[in-house]
Amino acid sequence: METKSQKNSKISDKDQQRDLLASYRDSIDNIDAALIHMLAERFKITQQVGQFKAKYGLPPADKIREQRQIDRLRALSEEARLDPDFSEKFLHFIITEVIRHHEQLREDGV
C-alpha cells in the first residue's frame, strides 16, 4: 500500500513533468513565431529582388546562386548538427516559392 508521502511524490513528479513539457512547448512556440517572422522578412526582400529582375528583364531563377546557397546552407547545417538533407529540402521549398513569385511578377509586368 502506498503511503501519503509516496502519493504526494507522484503528484509532484507529474506536476513537474507537466510544467517541464509546457516550458519546452513554450520555447517551441517562440521559435516557430520567430521562424515565421524571419520568413516574412525574407520574402519581403525576395519580392524586391523579383521586382528588380522583372524591371530589368532578368530571369526569375539563378541556378548558380541557388547551388551556392544550397552548398553554404548544407555546410552551416553540418556545423549546427542539423540534417543537411532536411535543410536542403527546406531551402528548395523556399526557392521554388520565390521563383514562382518572380515569374508572376514578370508576367504581371512589374
PDB file of N, CA and C in Angstrom:
ATOM      1  N   MET A   1       0.830  -1.173   0.000  1.00  0.00           N
ATOM      2  CA  MET A   1       0.000   0.000   0.000  1.00  0.00           C
ATOM      3  C   MET A   1       0.883   1.247   0.000  1.00  0.00           C
ATOM      4  N   GLU A   2       0.456   2.244  -0.805  1.00  0.00           N
ATOM      5  CA  GLU A   2       1.191   3.487  -0.933  1.00  0.00           C
ATOM      6  C   GLU A   2       0.942   4.397   0.258  1.00  0.00           C
ATOM      7  N   THR A   3       2.014   5.014   0.675  1.00  0.00           N
ATOM      8  CA  THR A   3       1.872   5.992   1.757  1.00  0.00           C
ATOM      9  C   THR A   3       1.446   7.340   1.171  1.00  0.00           C
ATOM     10  N   LYS A   4       0.977   8.208   2.030  1.00  0.00           N
ATOM     11  CA  LYS A   4       0.575   9.545   1.616  1.00  0.00           C
ATOM     12  C   LYS A   4       1.761  10.286   0.993  1.00  0.00           C
ATOM     13  N   SER A   5       2.938  10.099   1.540  1.00  0.00           N
ATOM     14  CA  SER A   5       4.154  10.729   1.041  1.00  0.00           C
ATOM     15  C   SER A   5       4.463  10.257  -0.386  1.00  0.00           C
ATOM     16  N   GLN A   6       4.282   8.952  -0.640  1.00  0.00           N
ATOM     17  CA  GLN A   6       4.530   8.416  -1.979  1.00  0.00           C
ATOM     18  C   GLN A   6       3.522   8.978  -2.989  1.00  0.00           C
ATOM     19  N   LYS A   7       2.258   9.098  -2.582  1.00  0.00           N
ATOM     20  CA  LYS A   7       1.237   9.656  -3.469  1.00  0.00           C
ATOM     21  C   LYS A   7       1.559  11.115  -3.791  1.00  0.00           C
ATOM     22  N   ASN A   8       1.939  11.867  -2.757  1.00  0.00           N
ATOM     23  CA  ASN A   8       2.298  13.271  -2.965  1.00  0.00           C
ATOM     24  C   ASN A   8       3.515  13.399  -3.871  1.00  0.00           C
ATOM     25  N   SER A   9       4.453  12.470  -3.729  1.00  0.00           N
ATOM     26  CA  SER A   9       5.642  12.472  -4.567  1.00  0.00           C
ATOM     27  C   SER A   9       5.268  12.231  -6.028  1.00  0.00           C
ATOM     28  N   LYS A  10       4.342  11.312  -6.283  1.00  0.00           N
ATOM     29  CA  LYS A  10       3.895  11.025  -7.644  1.00  0.00           C
ATOM     30  C   LYS A  10       3.179  12.232  -8.242  1.00  0.00           C
ATOM     31  N   ILE A  11       2.345  12.876  -7.439  1.00  0.00           N
ATOM     32  CA  ILE A  11       1.637  14.069  -7.908  1.00  0.00           C
ATOM     33  C   ILE A  11       2.655  15.156  -8.228  1.00  0.00           C
ATOM     34  N   SER A  12       3.607  15.331  -7.333  1.00  0.00           N
ATOM     35  CA  SER A  12       4.646  16.338  -7.535  1.00  0.00           C
ATOM     36  C   SER A  12       5.443  16.021  -8.805  1.00  0.00           C
ATOM     37  N   ASP A  13       5.790  14.743  -9.013  1.00  0.00           N
ATOM     38  CA  ASP A  13       6.516  14.341 -10.220  1.00  0.00           C
ATOM     39  C   ASP A  13       5.695  14.653 -11.468  1.00  0.00           C
ATOM     40  N   LYS A  14       4.420  14.359 -11.446  1.00  0.00           N
ATOM     41  CA  LYS A  14       3.555  14.625 -12.598  1.00  0.00           C
ATOM     42  C   LYS A  14       3.443  16.126 -12.842  1.00  0.00           C
ATOM     43  N   ASP A  15       3.349  16.914 -11.762  1.00  0.00           N
ATOM     44  CA  ASP A  15       3.291  18.365 -11.904  1.00  0.00           C
ATOM     45  C   ASP A  15       4.587  18.885 -12.531  1.00  0.00           C
ATOM     46  N   GLN A  16       5.705  18.366 -12.072  1.00  0.00           N
ATOM     47  CA  GLN A  16       6.994  18.781 -12.618  1.00  0.00           C
ATOM     48  C   GLN A  16       7.108  18.385 -14.087  1.00  0.00           C
ATOM     49  N   GLN A  17       6.660  17.186 -14.424  1.00  0.00           N
ATOM     50  CA  GLN A  17       6.700  16.732 -15.814  1.00  0.00           C
ATOM     51  C   GLN A  17       5.829  17.634 -16.689  1.00  0.00           C
ATOM     52  N   ARG A  18       4.624  17.926 -16.221  1.00  0.00           N
ATOM     53  CA  ARG A  18       3.700  18.779 -16.962  1.00  0.00           C
ATOM     54  C   ARG A  18       4.302  20.172 -17.157  1.00  0.00           C
ATOM     55  N   ASP A  19       4.880  20.721 -16.093  1.00  0.00           N
ATOM     56  CA  ASP A  19       5.477  22.049 -16.165  1.00  0.00           C
ATOM     57  C   ASP A  19       6.669  22.079 -17.119  1.00  0.00           C
ATOM     58  N   LEU A  20       7.489  21.039 -17.061  1.00  0.00           N
ATOM     59  CA  LEU A  20       8.647  20.975 -17.944  1.00  0.00           C
ATOM     60  C   LEU A  20       8.208  20.847 -19.400  1.00  0.00           C
ATOM     61  N   LEU A  21       7.225  19.991 -19.658  1.00  0.00           N
ATOM     62  CA  LEU A  21       6.707  19.837 -21.009  1.00  0.00           C
ATOM     63  C   LEU A  21       6.110  21.158 -21.507  1.00  0.00           C
ATOM     64  N   ALA A  22       5.384  21.859 -20.651  1.00  0.00           N
ATOM     65  CA  ALA A  22       4.811  23.158 -21.019  1.00  0.00           C
ATOM     66  C   ALA A  22       5.921  24.160 -21.345  1.00  0.00           C
ATOM     67  N   SER A  23       6.992  24.119 -20.596  1.00  0.00           N
ATOM     68  CA  SER A  23       8.123  25.007 -20.838  1.00  0.00           C
ATOM     69  C   SER A  23       8.770  24.710 -22.196  1.00  0.00           C
ATOM     70  N   TYR A  24       8.967  23.437 -22.499  1.00  0.00           N
ATOM     71  CA  TYR A  24       9.508  23.042 -23.803  1.00  0.00           C
ATOM     72  C   TYR A  24       8.597  23.546 -24.915  1.00  0.00           C
ATOM     73  N   ARG A  25       7.301  23.345 -24.740  1.00  0.00           N
ATOM     74  CA  ARG A  25       6.350  23.754 -25.775  1.00  0.00           C
ATOM     75  C   ARG A  25       6.308  25.270 -25.942  1.00  0.00           C
ATOM     76  N   ASP A  26       6.438  26.000 -24.851  1.00  0.00           N
ATOM     77  CA  ASP A  26       6.501  27.462 -24.945  1.00  0.00           C
ATOM     78  C   ASP A  26       7.713  27.891 -25.764  1.00  0.00           C
ATOM     79  N   SER A  27       8.836  27.234 -25.531  1.00  0.00           N
ATOM     80  CA  SER A  27      10.046  27.547 -26.298  1.00  0.00           C
ATOM     81  C   SER A  27       9.856  27.236 -27.781  1.00  0.00           C
ATOM     82  N   ILE A  28       9.245  26.101 -28.068  1.00  0.00           N
ATOM     83  CA  ILE A  28       8.969  25.737 -29.461  1.00  0.00           C
ATOM     84  C   ILE A  28       8.053  26.778 -30.103  1.00  0.00           C
ATOM     85  N   ASP A  29       7.018  27.194 -29.380  1.00  0.00           N
ATOM     86  CA  ASP A  29       6.094  28.204 -29.905  1.00  0.00           C
ATOM     87  C   ASP A  29       6.823  29.510 -30.209  1.00  0.00           C
ATOM     88  N   ASN A  30       7.733  29.918 -29.341  1.00  0.00           N
ATOM     89  CA  ASN A  30       8.509  31.137 -29.562  1.00  0.00           C
ATOM     90  C   ASN A  30       9.405  31.007 -30.789  1.00  0.00           C
ATOM     91  N   ILE A  31      10.036  29.865 -30.936  1.00  0.00           N
ATOM     92  CA  ILE A  31      10.902  29.628 -32.094  1.00  0.00           C
ATOM     93  C   ILE A  31      10.074  29.624 -33.376  1.00  0.00           C
ATOM     94  N   ASP A  32       8.906  28.966 -33.346  1.00  0.00           N
ATOM     95  CA  ASP A  32       8.029  28.957 -34.518  1.00  0.00           C
ATOM     96  C   ASP A  32       7.626  30.371 -34.915  1.00  0.00           C
ATOM     97  N   ALA A  33       7.298  31.189 -33.939  1.00  0.00           N
ATOM     98  CA  ALA A  33       6.926  32.579 -34.220  1.00  0.00           C
ATOM     99  C   ALA A  33       8.102  33.329 -34.852  1.00  0.00           C
ATOM    100  N   ALA A  34       9.289  33.121 -34.314  1.00  0.00           N
ATOM    101  CA  ALA A  34      10.479  33.768 -34.871  1.00  0.00           C
ATOM    102  C   ALA A  34      10.728  33.304 -36.308  1.00  0.00           C
ATOM    103  N   LEU A  35      10.550  32.016 -36.571  1.00  0.00           N
ATOM    104  CA  LEU A  35      10.717  31.500 -37.933  1.00  0.00           C
ATOM    105  C   LEU A  35       9.747  32.165 -38.907  1.00  0.00           C
ATOM    106  N   ILE A  36       8.502  32.307 -38.498  1.00  0.00           N
ATOM    107  CA  ILE A  36       7.503  32.935 -39.361  1.00  0.00           C
ATOM    108  C   ILE A  36       7.882  34.380 -39.656  1.00  0.00           C
ATOM    109  N   HIS A  37       8.310  35.103 -38.629  1.00  0.00           N
ATOM    110  CA  HIS A  37       8.713  36.492 -38.840  1.00  0.00           C
ATOM    111  C   HIS A  37       9.944  36.592 -39.733  1.00  0.00           C
ATOM    112  N   MET A  38      10.877  35.689 -39.559  1.00  0.00           N
ATOM    113  CA  MET A  38      12.081  35.690 -40.399  1.00  0.00           C
ATOM    114  C   MET A  38      11.742  35.351 -41.848  1.00  0.00           C
ATOM    115  N   LEU A  39      10.854  34.376 -42.042  1.00  0.00           N
ATOM    116  CA  LEU A  39      10.436  34.040 -43.401  1.00  0.00           C
ATOM    117  C   LEU A  39       9.699  35.213 -44.048  1.00  0.00           C
ATOM    118  N   ALA A  40       8.874  35.899 -43.281  1.00  0.00           N
ATOM    119  CA  ALA A  40       8.175  37.069 -43.821  1.00  0.00           C
ATOM    120  C   ALA A  40       9.173  38.126 -44.277  1.00  0.00           C
ATOM    121  N   GLU A  41      10.191  38.380 -43.476  1.00  0.00           N
ATOM    122  CA  GLU A  41      11.214  39.353 -43.848  1.00  0.00           C
ATOM    123  C   GLU A  41      11.977  38.898 -45.094  1.00  0.00           C
ATOM    124  N   ARG A  42      12.280  37.605 -45.151  1.00  0.00           N
ATOM    125  CA  ARG A  42      12.997  37.056 -46.304  1.00  0.00           C
ATOM    126  C   ARG A  42      12.171  37.253 -47.570  1.00  0.00           C
ATOM    127  N   PHE A  43      10.878  36.969 -47.484  1.00  0.00           N
ATOM    128  CA  PHE A  43      10.031  37.098 -48.665  1.00  0.00           C
ATOM    129  C   PHE A  43       9.803  38.559 -49.055  1.00  0.00           C
ATOM    130  N   LYS A  44       9.852  39.481 -48.113  1.00  0.00           N
ATOM    131  CA  LYS A  44       9.771  40.895 -48.467  1.00  0.00           C
ATOM    132  C   LYS A  44      10.954  41.274 -49.356  1.00  0.00           C
ATOM    133  N   ILE A  45      12.132  40.801 -48.984  1.00  0.00           N
ATOM    134  CA  ILE A  45      13.340  41.105 -49.759  1.00  0.00           C
ATOM    135  C   ILE A  45      13.307  40.391 -51.104  1.00  0.00           C
ATOM    136  N   THR A  46      12.893  39.122 -51.120  1.00  0.00           N
ATOM    137  CA  THR A  46      12.871  38.410 -52.398  1.00  0.00           C
ATOM    138  C   THR A  46      11.826  39.011 -53.341  1.00  0.00           C
ATOM    139  N   GLN A  47      10.772  39.619 -52.796  1.00  0.00           N
ATOM    140  CA  GLN A  47       9.815  40.330 -53.650  1.00  0.00           C
ATOM    141  C   GLN A  47      10.500  41.516 -54.319  1.00  0.00           C
ATOM    142  N   GLN A  48      11.345  42.214 -53.569  1.00  0.00           N
ATOM    143  CA  GLN A  48      12.089  43.341 -54.138  1.00  0.00           C
ATOM    144  C   GLN A  48      13.041  42.856 -55.230  1.00  0.00           C
ATOM    145  N   VAL A  49      13.679  41.714 -54.980  1.00  0.00           N
ATOM    146  CA  VAL A  49      14.560  41.120 -55.989  1.00  0.00           C
ATOM    147  C   VAL A  49      13.744  40.773 -57.230  1.00  0.00           C
ATOM    148  N   GLY A  50      12.585  40.182 -57.029  1.00  0.00           N
ATOM    149  CA  GLY A  50      11.729  39.821 -58.156  1.00  0.00           C
ATOM    150  C   GLY A  50      11.293  41.029 -58.961  1.00  0.00           C
ATOM    151  N   GLN A  51      10.968  42.121 -58.293  1.00  0.00           N
ATOM    152  CA  GLN A  51      10.591  43.356 -58.989  1.00  0.00           C
ATOM    153  C   GLN A  51      11.772  43.902 -59.788  1.00  0.00           C
ATOM    154  N   PHE A  52      12.952  43.834 -59.189  1.00  0.00           N
ATOM    155  CA  PHE A  52      14.173  44.281 -59.861  1.00  0.00           C
ATOM    156  C   PHE A  52      14.413  43.437 -61.117  1.00  0.00           C
ATOM    157  N   LYS A  53      14.306  42.108 -60.965  1.00  0.00           N
ATOM    158  CA  LYS A  53      14.528  41.221 -62.102  1.00  0.00           C
ATOM    159  C   LYS A  53      13.499  41.470 -63.207  1.00  0.00           C
ATOM    160  N   ALA A  54      12.246  41.655 -62.823  1.00  0.00           N
ATOM    161  CA  ALA A  54      11.198  41.907 -63.815  1.00  0.00           C
ATOM    162  C   ALA A  54      11.454  43.225 -64.543  1.00  0.00           C
ATOM    163  N   LYS A  55      11.843  44.245 -63.810  1.00  0.00           N
ATOM    164  CA  LYS A  55      12.095  45.563 -64.399  1.00  0.00           C
ATOM    165  C   LYS A  55      13.214  45.522 -65.426  1.00  0.00           C
ATOM    166  N   TYR A  56      14.263  44.737 -65.125  1.00  0.00           N
ATOM    167  CA  TYR A  56      15.431  44.722 -65.998  1.00  0.00           C
ATOM    168  C   TYR A  56      15.509  43.475 -66.887  1.00  0.00           C
ATOM    169  N   GLY A  57      14.430  42.708 -66.932  1.00  0.00           N
ATOM    170  CA  GLY A  57      14.373  41.561 -67.831  1.00  0.00           C
ATOM    171  C   GLY A  57      15.302  40.417 -67.458  1.00  0.00           C
ATOM    172  N   LEU A  58      15.602  40.301 -66.186  1.00  0.00           N
ATOM    173  CA  LEU A  58      16.467  39.208 -65.732  1.00  0.00           C
ATOM    174  C   LEU A  58      15.629  37.958 -65.486  1.00  0.00           C
ATOM    175  N   PRO A  59      16.222  36.788 -65.634  1.00  0.00           N
ATOM    176  CA  PRO A  59      15.451  35.558 -65.423  1.00  0.00           C
ATOM    177  C   PRO A  59      15.050  35.384 -63.958  1.00  0.00           C
ATOM    178  N   PRO A  60      13.891  34.769 -63.710  1.00  0.00           N
ATOM    179  CA  PRO A  60      13.420  34.569 -62.339  1.00  0.00           C
ATOM    180  C   PRO A  60      14.334  33.668 -61.511  1.00  0.00           C
ATOM    181  N   ALA A  61      14.973  32.705 -62.156  1.00  0.00           N
ATOM    182  CA  ALA A  61      15.824  31.750 -61.441  1.00  0.00           C
ATOM    183  C   ALA A  61      17.293  32.021 -61.750  1.00  0.00           C
ATOM    184  N   ASP A  62      18.137  31.711 -60.786  1.00  0.00           N
ATOM    185  CA  ASP A  62      19.588  31.820 -60.943  1.00  0.00           C
ATOM    186  C   ASP A  62      20.187  30.538 -60.371  1.00  0.00           C
ATOM    187  N   LYS A  63      20.354  29.550 -61.238  1.00  0.00           N
ATOM    188  CA  LYS A  63      20.787  28.211 -60.794  1.00  0.00           C
ATOM    189  C   LYS A  63      22.146  28.236 -60.097  1.00  0.00           C
ATOM    190  N   ILE A  64      23.040  29.096 -60.552  1.00  0.00           N
ATOM    191  CA  ILE A  64      24.370  29.161 -59.915  1.00  0.00           C
ATOM    192  C   ILE A  64      24.235  29.677 -58.490  1.00  0.00           C
ATOM    193  N   ARG A  65      23.477  30.752 -58.314  1.00  0.00           N
ATOM    194  CA  ARG A  65      23.245  31.294 -56.957  1.00  0.00           C
ATOM    195  C   ARG A  65      22.556  30.265 -56.080  1.00  0.00           C
ATOM    196  N   GLU A  66      21.534  29.603 -56.627  1.00  0.00           N
ATOM    197  CA  GLU A  66      20.800  28.600 -55.858  1.00  0.00           C
ATOM    198  C   GLU A  66      21.738  27.497 -55.366  1.00  0.00           C
ATOM    199  N   GLN A  67      22.620  27.017 -56.233  1.00  0.00           N
ATOM    200  CA  GLN A  67      23.541  25.947 -55.832  1.00  0.00           C
ATOM    201  C   GLN A  67      24.527  26.426 -54.771  1.00  0.00           C
ATOM    202  N   ARG A  68      25.002  27.666 -54.928  1.00  0.00           N
ATOM    203  CA  ARG A  68      25.905  28.223 -53.902  1.00  0.00           C
ATOM    204  C   ARG A  68      25.198  28.294 -52.560  1.00  0.00           C
ATOM    205  N   GLN A  69      23.933  28.721 -52.572  1.00  0.00           N
ATOM    206  CA  GLN A  69      23.162  28.808 -51.330  1.00  0.00           C
ATOM    207  C   GLN A  69      22.955  27.418 -50.723  1.00  0.00           C
ATOM    208  N   ILE A  70      22.622  26.462 -51.536  1.00  0.00           N
ATOM    209  CA  ILE A  70      22.426  25.098 -51.036  1.00  0.00           C
ATOM    210  C   ILE A  70      23.716  24.587 -50.409  1.00  0.00           C
ATOM    211  N   ASP A  71      24.832  24.762 -51.111  1.00  0.00           N
ATOM    212  CA  ASP A  71      26.124  24.306 -50.574  1.00  0.00           C
ATOM    213  C   ASP A  71      26.445  25.005 -49.260  1.00  0.00           C
ATOM    214  N   ARG A  72      26.217  26.317 -49.211  1.00  0.00           N
ATOM    215  CA  ARG A  72      26.511  27.095 -47.999  1.00  0.00           C
ATOM    216  C   ARG A  72      25.635  26.648 -46.836  1.00  0.00           C
ATOM    217  N   LEU A  73      24.340  26.457 -47.097  1.00  0.00           N
ATOM    218  CA  LEU A  73      23.438  26.066 -46.019  1.00  0.00           C
ATOM    219  C   LEU A  73      23.640  24.616 -45.587  1.00  0.00           C
ATOM    220  N   ARG A  74      24.071  23.768 -46.493  1.00  0.00           N
ATOM    221  CA  ARG A  74      24.408  22.395 -46.087  1.00  0.00           C
ATOM    222  C   ARG A  74      25.595  22.415 -45.121  1.00  0.00           C
ATOM    223  N   ALA A  75      26.591  23.244 -45.423  1.00  0.00           N
ATOM    224  CA  ALA A  75      27.757  23.355 -44.534  1.00  0.00           C
ATOM    225  C   ALA A  75      27.340  23.937 -43.177  1.00  0.00           C
ATOM    226  N   LEU A  76      26.514  24.969 -43.197  1.00  0.00           N
ATOM    227  CA  LEU A  76      26.023  25.536 -41.935  1.00  0.00           C
ATOM    228  C   LEU A  76      25.230  24.503 -41.141  1.00  0.00           C
ATOM    229  N   SER A  77      24.448  23.714 -41.840  1.00  0.00           N
ATOM    230  CA  SER A  77      23.658  22.673 -41.169  1.00  0.00           C
ATOM    231  C   SER A  77      24.566  21.661 -40.480  1.00  0.00           C
ATOM    232  N   GLU A  78      25.616  21.257 -41.163  1.00  0.00           N
ATOM    233  CA  GLU A  78      26.545  20.302 -40.558  1.00  0.00           C
ATOM    234  C   GLU A  78      27.177  20.892 -39.306  1.00  0.00           C
ATOM    235  N   GLU A  79      27.570  22.168 -39.383  1.00  0.00           N
ATOM    236  CA  GLU A  79      28.149  22.835 -38.212  1.00  0.00           C
ATOM    237  C   GLU A  79      27.148  22.891 -37.055  1.00  0.00           C
ATOM    238  N   ALA A  80      25.885  23.082 -37.385  1.00  0.00           N
ATOM    239  CA  ALA A  80      24.836  23.210 -36.366  1.00  0.00           C
ATOM    240  C   ALA A  80      24.261  21.857 -35.945  1.00  0.00           C
ATOM    241  N   ARG A  81      24.787  20.798 -36.518  1.00  0.00           N
ATOM    242  CA  ARG A  81      24.304  19.433 -36.243  1.00  0.00           C
ATOM    243  C   ARG A  81      22.832  19.264 -36.625  1.00  0.00           C
ATOM    244  N   LEU A  82      22.474  19.868 -37.758  1.00  0.00           N
ATOM    245  CA  LEU A  82      21.141  19.722 -38.328  1.00  0.00           C
ATOM    246  C   LEU A  82      21.292  18.917 -39.608  1.00  0.00           C
ATOM    247  N   ASP A  83      20.394  18.017 -39.865  1.00  0.00           N
ATOM    248  CA  ASP A  83      20.460  17.168 -41.041  1.00  0.00           C
ATOM    249  C   ASP A  83      20.540  18.025 -42.308  1.00  0.00           C
ATOM    250  N   PRO A  84      21.669  17.971 -43.041  1.00  0.00           N
ATOM    251  CA  PRO A  84      21.816  18.786 -44.250  1.00  0.00           C
ATOM    252  C   PRO A  84      20.774  18.457 -45.321  1.00  0.00           C
ATOM    253  N   ASP A  85      20.339  17.207 -45.378  1.00  0.00           N
ATOM    254  CA  ASP A  85      19.303  16.843 -46.357  1.00  0.00           C
ATOM    255  C   ASP A  85      17.996  17.557 -46.042  1.00  0.00           C
ATOM    256  N   PHE A  86      17.654  17.629 -44.766  1.00  0.00           N
ATOM    257  CA  PHE A  86      16.457  18.365 -44.359  1.00  0.00           C
ATOM    258  C   PHE A  86      16.586  19.832 -44.748  1.00  0.00           C
ATOM    259  N   SER A  87      17.733  20.426 -44.452  1.00  0.00           N
ATOM    260  CA  SER A  87      17.957  21.838 -44.759  1.00  0.00           C
ATOM    261  C   SER A  87      17.851  22.090 -46.258  1.00  0.00           C
ATOM    262  N   GLU A  88      18.397  21.184 -47.041  1.00  0.00           N
ATOM    263  CA  GLU A  88      18.339  21.349 -48.492  1.00  0.00           C
ATOM    264  C   GLU A  88      16.893  21.261 -48.987  1.00  0.00           C
ATOM    265  N   LYS A  89      16.138  20.314 -48.468  1.00  0.00           N
ATOM    266  CA  LYS A  89      14.726  20.195 -48.864  1.00  0.00           C
ATOM    267  C   LYS A  89      13.957  21.468 -48.496  1.00  0.00           C
ATOM    268  N   PHE A  90      14.224  21.977 -47.303  1.00  0.00           N
ATOM    269  CA  PHE A  90      13.560  23.193 -46.842  1.00  0.00           C
ATOM    270  C   PHE A  90      13.922  24.366 -47.750  1.00  0.00           C
ATOM    271  N   LEU A  91      15.202  24.501 -48.086  1.00  0.00           N
ATOM    272  CA  LEU A  91      15.640  25.593 -48.946  1.00  0.00           C
ATOM    273  C   LEU A  91      15.043  25.451 -50.350  1.00  0.00           C
ATOM    274  N   HIS A  92      14.993  24.219 -50.864  1.00  0.00           N
ATOM    275  CA  HIS A  92      14.380  24.005 -52.180  1.00  0.00           C
ATOM    276  C   HIS A  92      12.916  24.459 -52.173  1.00  0.00           C
ATOM    277  N   PHE A  93      12.224  24.163 -51.098  1.00  0.00           N
ATOM    278  CA  PHE A  93      10.828  24.595 -50.983  1.00  0.00           C
ATOM    279  C   PHE A  93      10.739  26.116 -51.061  1.00  0.00           C
ATOM    280  N   ILE A  94      11.597  26.800 -50.332  1.00  0.00           N
ATOM    281  CA  ILE A  94      11.598  28.262 -50.321  1.00  0.00           C
ATOM    282  C   ILE A  94      11.966  28.807 -51.698  1.00  0.00           C
ATOM    283  N   ILE A  95      13.022  28.261 -52.294  1.00  0.00           N
ATOM    284  CA  ILE A  95      13.468  28.728 -53.614  1.00  0.00           C
ATOM    285  C   ILE A  95      12.361  28.553 -54.651  1.00  0.00           C
ATOM    286  N   THR A  96      11.690  27.422 -54.622  1.00  0.00           N
ATOM    287  CA  THR A  96      10.600  27.174 -55.566  1.00  0.00           C
ATOM    288  C   THR A  96       9.512  28.226 -55.430  1.00  0.00           C
ATOM    289  N   GLU A  97       9.180  28.565 -54.203  1.00  0.00           N
ATOM    290  CA  GLU A  97       8.156  29.581 -53.959  1.00  0.00           C
ATOM    291  C   GLU A  97       8.625  30.958 -54.415  1.00  0.00           C
ATOM    292  N   VAL A  98       9.880  31.293 -54.164  1.00  0.00           N
ATOM    293  CA  VAL A  98      10.430  32.581 -54.583  1.00  0.00           C
ATOM    294  C   VAL A  98      10.399  32.687 -56.110  1.00  0.00           C
ATOM    295  N   ILE A  99      10.833  31.630 -56.792  1.00  0.00           N
ATOM    296  CA  ILE A  99      10.835  31.649 -58.258  1.00  0.00           C
ATOM    297  C   ILE A  99       9.416  31.805 -58.795  1.00  0.00           C
ATOM    298  N   ARG A 100       8.468  31.148 -58.173  1.00  0.00           N
ATOM    299  CA  ARG A 100       7.073  31.282 -58.581  1.00  0.00           C
ATOM    300  C   ARG A 100       6.630  32.745 -58.464  1.00  0.00           C
ATOM    301  N   HIS A 101       7.002  33.390 -57.362  1.00  0.00           N
ATOM    302  CA  HIS A 101       6.670  34.804 -57.186  1.00  0.00           C
ATOM    303  C   HIS A 101       7.346  35.658 -58.262  1.00  0.00           C
ATOM    304  N   HIS A 102       8.620  35.359 -58.551  1.00  0.00           N
ATOM    305  CA  HIS A 102       9.363  36.135 -59.557  1.00  0.00           C
ATOM    306  C   HIS A 102       8.726  35.963 -60.933  1.00  0.00           C
ATOM    307  N   GLU A 103       8.325  34.741 -61.247  1.00  0.00           N
ATOM    308  CA  GLU A 103       7.668  34.501 -62.536  1.00  0.00           C
ATOM    309  C   GLU A 103       6.362  35.275 -62.632  1.00  0.00           C
ATOM    310  N   GLN A 104       5.613  35.317 -61.535  1.00  0.00           N
ATOM    311  CA  GLN A 104       4.355  36.060 -61.515  1.00  0.00           C
ATOM    312  C   GLN A 104       4.596  37.549 -61.707  1.00  0.00           C
ATOM    313  N   LEU A 105       5.618  38.078 -61.054  1.00  0.00           N
ATOM    314  CA  LEU A 105       5.944  39.491 -61.216  1.00  0.00           C
ATOM    315  C   LEU A 105       6.331  39.793 -62.666  1.00  0.00           C
ATOM    316  N   ARG A 106       7.079  38.900 -63.276  1.00  0.00           N
ATOM    317  CA  ARG A 106       7.476  39.077 -64.678  1.00  0.00           C
ATOM    318  C   ARG A 106       6.247  39.070 -65.580  1.00  0.00           C
ATOM    319  N   GLU A 107       5.338  38.114 -65.342  1.00  0.00           N
ATOM    320  CA  GLU A 107       4.116  38.023 -66.139  1.00  0.00           C
ATOM    321  C   GLU A 107       3.237  39.264 -65.955  1.00  0.00           C
ATOM    322  N   ASP A 108       3.229  39.792 -64.747  1.00  0.00           N
ATOM    323  CA  ASP A 108       2.405  40.983 -64.454  1.00  0.00           C
ATOM    324  C   ASP A 108       3.034  42.262 -64.991  1.00  0.00           C
ATOM    325  N   GLY A 109       4.297  42.156 -65.446  1.00  0.00           N
ATOM    326  CA  GLY A 109       4.980  43.324 -65.996  1.00  0.00           C
ATOM    327  C   GLY A 109       5.370  44.338 -64.960  1.00  0.00           C
ATOM    328  N   VAL A 110       5.686  43.868 -63.767  1.00  0.00           N
ATOM    329  CA  VAL A 110       6.070  44.782 -62.680  1.00  0.00           C
ATOM    330  C   VAL A 110       7.443  45.343 -62.923  1.00  0.00           C
TER     331      VAL A 110
END
